[in-house]
Amino acid sequence: MSINLDALKEEIEQHLAEHGVNVFHGYSRLLDSLPIIYWDVEHHPDFRAFLQVARNADAKILVFHQREFTPDHIEDALERLESGEIPADERRSMERRLKELRVYEGFTCAIELSFDHEGRIYVYDVRSEWYEELSDILEDISAYTNDVDEDDEGPISGYFSQN
């Protein structure tokens, strides 16, 4: 899904303010201990439908999390790249792809809305295509380095791809 998350973030914030939703600006909930149920953003991308479900479920608080793409994302990936025993051609290709992603620094790369209902967390989670590209590169690097940490939250701290 090609989407401008900066524009979507502003649209969500405006919608939440206009409808008087109790918003808690929190961290990603993807690692919470409660079972998580994900909204199908591929087939139902409109956040308003998700928020209507939250209203219908009498959710009292909506957790809103957004993540900005920072230089640290690329630096972390380049460090991981250097630590692996990756063939030179593959390493150069990954490094080039990572450096191309620098143009997105400062942009919103992920948005997450969530609410609790009857012991479960309901999540609306969208990510930019280029952020998914970074996740794919990090998965490729991990395949060479075998540095899978059981406590790791995903390719980038705080984010675990459900796709």
Foldseek 3Di string as FASTA:
>chain_A
DADQVVVVVVVVVVVCVVVVAAEDADAFCPPPPFAEDEDPCVVPVDCVVVVVVCVVLVFRYKYKYWDFAAVVLLVVLLVLLVQFPDPPVLSVVLNVLSVVLVVRGGGIFKIWIWTDHPRYIYIYIDGHPSVVVSQVSLVVSCVRHVPDDPPAPGSDRRDHDPD
